[in-house]
Amino acid sequence: MDERLLRIGRAITGYYNQLNRAELTEKNFKLWIESLEEPMRSSFKNKGLDNCRGVLNFQRFILELQDIGLDEYLKNNLTDEDFSYWIAEK
């Protein structure tokens, strides 16, 4: 596998590892659900909080509520070349 992809993958894992699982609350779940458009809103709402704790989109929403954005995190934790690749390929 491309070393660049491994570095980016490790950085993304580090980003999500910052999440305090205690922040995956019913209140934050409702905020996230309200931010979604249909049909995603109904689908995740029907699944409920317990079944959505592992959804990366939900986790990222919580981190972004805390002003921890993925792009900014990656910019600070990747080389300029790897970050540019990430931006171009996402």
C-alpha atoms as a PDB file:
ATOM      1  CA  MET A   1       0.000   0.000   0.000  1.00  0.00           C
ATOM      2  CA  ASP A   2       1.144   3.525  -0.719  1.00  0.00           C
ATOM      3  CA  GLU A   3       3.034   4.976   2.268  1.00  0.00           C
ATOM      4  CA  ARG A   4       1.227   8.292   1.801  1.00  0.00           C
ATOM      5  CA  LEU A   5      -2.151   6.614   2.264  1.00  0.00           C
ATOM      6  CA  LEU A   6      -0.884   4.906   5.408  1.00  0.00           C
ATOM      7  CA  ARG A   7       0.275   8.249   6.847  1.00  0.00           C
ATOM      8  CA  ILE A   8      -3.061   9.864   6.031  1.00  0.00           C
ATOM      9  CA  GLY A   9      -4.915   6.900   7.525  1.00  0.00           C
ATOM     10  CA  ARG A  10      -2.918   7.108  10.741  1.00  0.00           C
ATOM     11  CA  ALA A  11      -3.589  10.850  10.988  1.00  0.00           C
ATOM     12  CA  ILE A  12      -7.326  10.314  10.459  1.00  0.00           C
ATOM     13  CA  THR A  13      -7.317   7.620  13.135  1.00  0.00           C
ATOM     14  CA  GLY A  14      -5.600  10.094  15.475  1.00  0.00           C
ATOM     15  CA  TYR A  15      -8.309  12.645  14.723  1.00  0.00           C
ATOM     16  CA  TYR A  16     -11.129  10.303  15.698  1.00  0.00           C
ATOM     17  CA  ASN A  17      -9.218   9.059  18.743  1.00  0.00           C
ATOM     18  CA  GLN A  18      -9.599  12.553  20.219  1.00  0.00           C
ATOM     19  CA  LEU A  19     -13.313  11.952  20.636  1.00  0.00           C
ATOM     20  CA  ASN A  20     -14.530  11.718  24.198  1.00  0.00           C
ATOM     21  CA  ARG A  21     -17.133   8.946  23.959  1.00  0.00           C
ATOM     22  CA  ALA A  22     -19.072  10.701  26.745  1.00  0.00           C
ATOM     23  CA  GLU A  23     -19.925  13.396  24.169  1.00  0.00           C
ATOM     24  CA  LEU A  24     -22.034  10.896  22.207  1.00  0.00           C
ATOM     25  CA  THR A  25     -25.145  11.985  24.092  1.00  0.00           C
ATOM     26  CA  GLU A  26     -28.815  12.032  23.200  1.00  0.00           C
ATOM     27  CA  LYS A  27     -28.638  15.837  23.057  1.00  0.00           C
ATOM     28  CA  ASN A  28     -25.752  15.788  20.564  1.00  0.00           C
ATOM     29  CA  PHE A  29     -27.419  12.992  18.621  1.00  0.00           C
ATOM     30  CA  LYS A  30     -30.515  15.174  18.175  1.00  0.00           C
ATOM     31  CA  LEU A  31     -28.355  18.113  17.044  1.00  0.00           C
ATOM     32  CA  TRP A  32     -26.646  15.867  14.499  1.00  0.00           C
ATOM     33  CA  ILE A  33     -29.944  14.440  13.253  1.00  0.00           C
ATOM     34  CA  GLU A  34     -31.302  17.968  12.769  1.00  0.00           C
ATOM     35  CA  SER A  35     -28.253  18.841  10.661  1.00  0.00           C
ATOM     36  CA  LEU A  36     -28.867  15.989   8.210  1.00  0.00           C
ATOM     37  CA  GLU A  37     -30.977  16.070   5.097  1.00  0.00           C
ATOM     38  CA  GLU A  38     -33.482  13.432   4.119  1.00  0.00           C
ATOM     39  CA  PRO A  39     -33.324  10.498   3.635  1.00  0.00           C
ATOM     40  CA  MET A  40     -30.288  10.289   5.931  1.00  0.00           C
ATOM     41  CA  ARG A  41     -32.131  12.084   8.740  1.00  0.00           C
ATOM     42  CA  SER A  42     -34.934   9.536   8.929  1.00  0.00           C
ATOM     43  CA  SER A  43     -32.604   6.587   8.480  1.00  0.00           C
ATOM     44  CA  PHE A  44     -30.258   7.516  11.331  1.00  0.00           C
ATOM     45  CA  LYS A  45     -33.090   8.744  13.552  1.00  0.00           C
ATOM     46  CA  ASN A  46     -34.769   5.342  13.193  1.00  0.00           C
ATOM     47  CA  LYS A  47     -31.511   3.583  14.076  1.00  0.00           C
ATOM     48  CA  GLY A  48     -31.202   5.584  17.291  1.00  0.00           C
ATOM     49  CA  LEU A  49     -28.244   6.801  19.290  1.00  0.00           C
ATOM     50  CA  ASP A  50     -26.933   3.406  20.388  1.00  0.00           C
ATOM     51  CA  ASN A  51     -26.688   2.176  16.809  1.00  0.00           C
ATOM     52  CA  CYS A  52     -25.083   5.394  15.577  1.00  0.00           C
ATOM     53  CA  ARG A  53     -22.263   5.841  18.100  1.00  0.00           C
ATOM     54  CA  GLY A  54     -19.812   4.288  15.627  1.00  0.00           C
ATOM     55  CA  VAL A  55     -20.925   6.381  12.645  1.00  0.00           C
ATOM     56  CA  LEU A  56     -17.925   8.501  11.644  1.00  0.00           C
ATOM     57  CA  ASN A  57     -20.152  11.307  10.394  1.00  0.00           C
ATOM     58  CA  PHE A  58     -21.690  11.571  13.880  1.00  0.00           C
ATOM     59  CA  GLN A  59     -18.298  11.437  15.557  1.00  0.00           C
ATOM     60  CA  ARG A  60     -16.931  14.109  13.227  1.00  0.00           C
ATOM     61  CA  PHE A  61     -19.968  16.295  13.962  1.00  0.00           C
ATOM     62  CA  ILE A  62     -19.186  16.078  17.697  1.00  0.00           C
ATOM     63  CA  LEU A  63     -15.512  16.925  17.157  1.00  0.00           C
ATOM     64  CA  GLU A  64     -16.468  19.864  14.967  1.00  0.00           C
ATOM     65  CA  LEU A  65     -18.816  21.130  17.699  1.00  0.00           C
ATOM     66  CA  GLN A  66     -15.641  21.351  19.789  1.00  0.00           C
ATOM     67  CA  ASP A  67     -13.882  23.300  16.998  1.00  0.00           C
ATOM     68  CA  ILE A  68     -11.767  20.315  16.006  1.00  0.00           C
ATOM     69  CA  GLY A  69     -12.142  20.114  12.242  1.00  0.00           C
ATOM     70  CA  LEU A  70     -10.720  17.207  10.287  1.00  0.00           C
ATOM     71  CA  ASP A  71      -9.069  19.328   7.594  1.00  0.00           C
ATOM     72  CA  GLU A  72      -7.387  21.586  10.133  1.00  0.00           C
ATOM     73  CA  TYR A  73      -6.240  18.579  12.154  1.00  0.00           C
ATOM     74  CA  LEU A  74      -4.770  16.942   9.065  1.00  0.00           C
ATOM     75  CA  LYS A  75      -3.117  20.192   7.995  1.00  0.00           C
ATOM     76  CA  ASN A  76      -1.359  20.271  11.360  1.00  0.00           C
ATOM     77  CA  ASN A  77      -0.453  16.574  11.411  1.00  0.00           C
ATOM     78  CA  LEU A  78       0.589  15.787   7.836  1.00  0.00           C
ATOM     79  CA  THR A  79       3.377  17.050   5.647  1.00  0.00           C
ATOM     80  CA  ASP A  80       2.386  19.774   3.195  1.00  0.00           C
ATOM     81  CA  GLU A  81       2.634  17.242   0.378  1.00  0.00           C
ATOM     82  CA  ASP A  82       0.420  14.682   2.109  1.00  0.00           C
ATOM     83  CA  PHE A  83      -2.125  17.324   3.068  1.00  0.00           C
ATOM     84  CA  SER A  84      -2.268  18.663  -0.494  1.00  0.00           C
ATOM     85  CA  TYR A  85      -2.843  15.111  -1.722  1.00  0.00           C
ATOM     86  CA  TRP A  86      -5.657  14.660   0.829  1.00  0.00           C
ATOM     87  CA  ILE A  87      -7.373  17.872  -0.298  1.00  0.00           C
ATOM     88  CA  ALA A  88      -7.042  16.993  -3.981  1.00  0.00           C
ATOM     89  CA  GLU A  89      -8.356  13.444  -3.556  1.00  0.00           C
ATOM     90  CA  LYS A  90     -11.222  13.857  -1.107  1.00  0.00           C
END
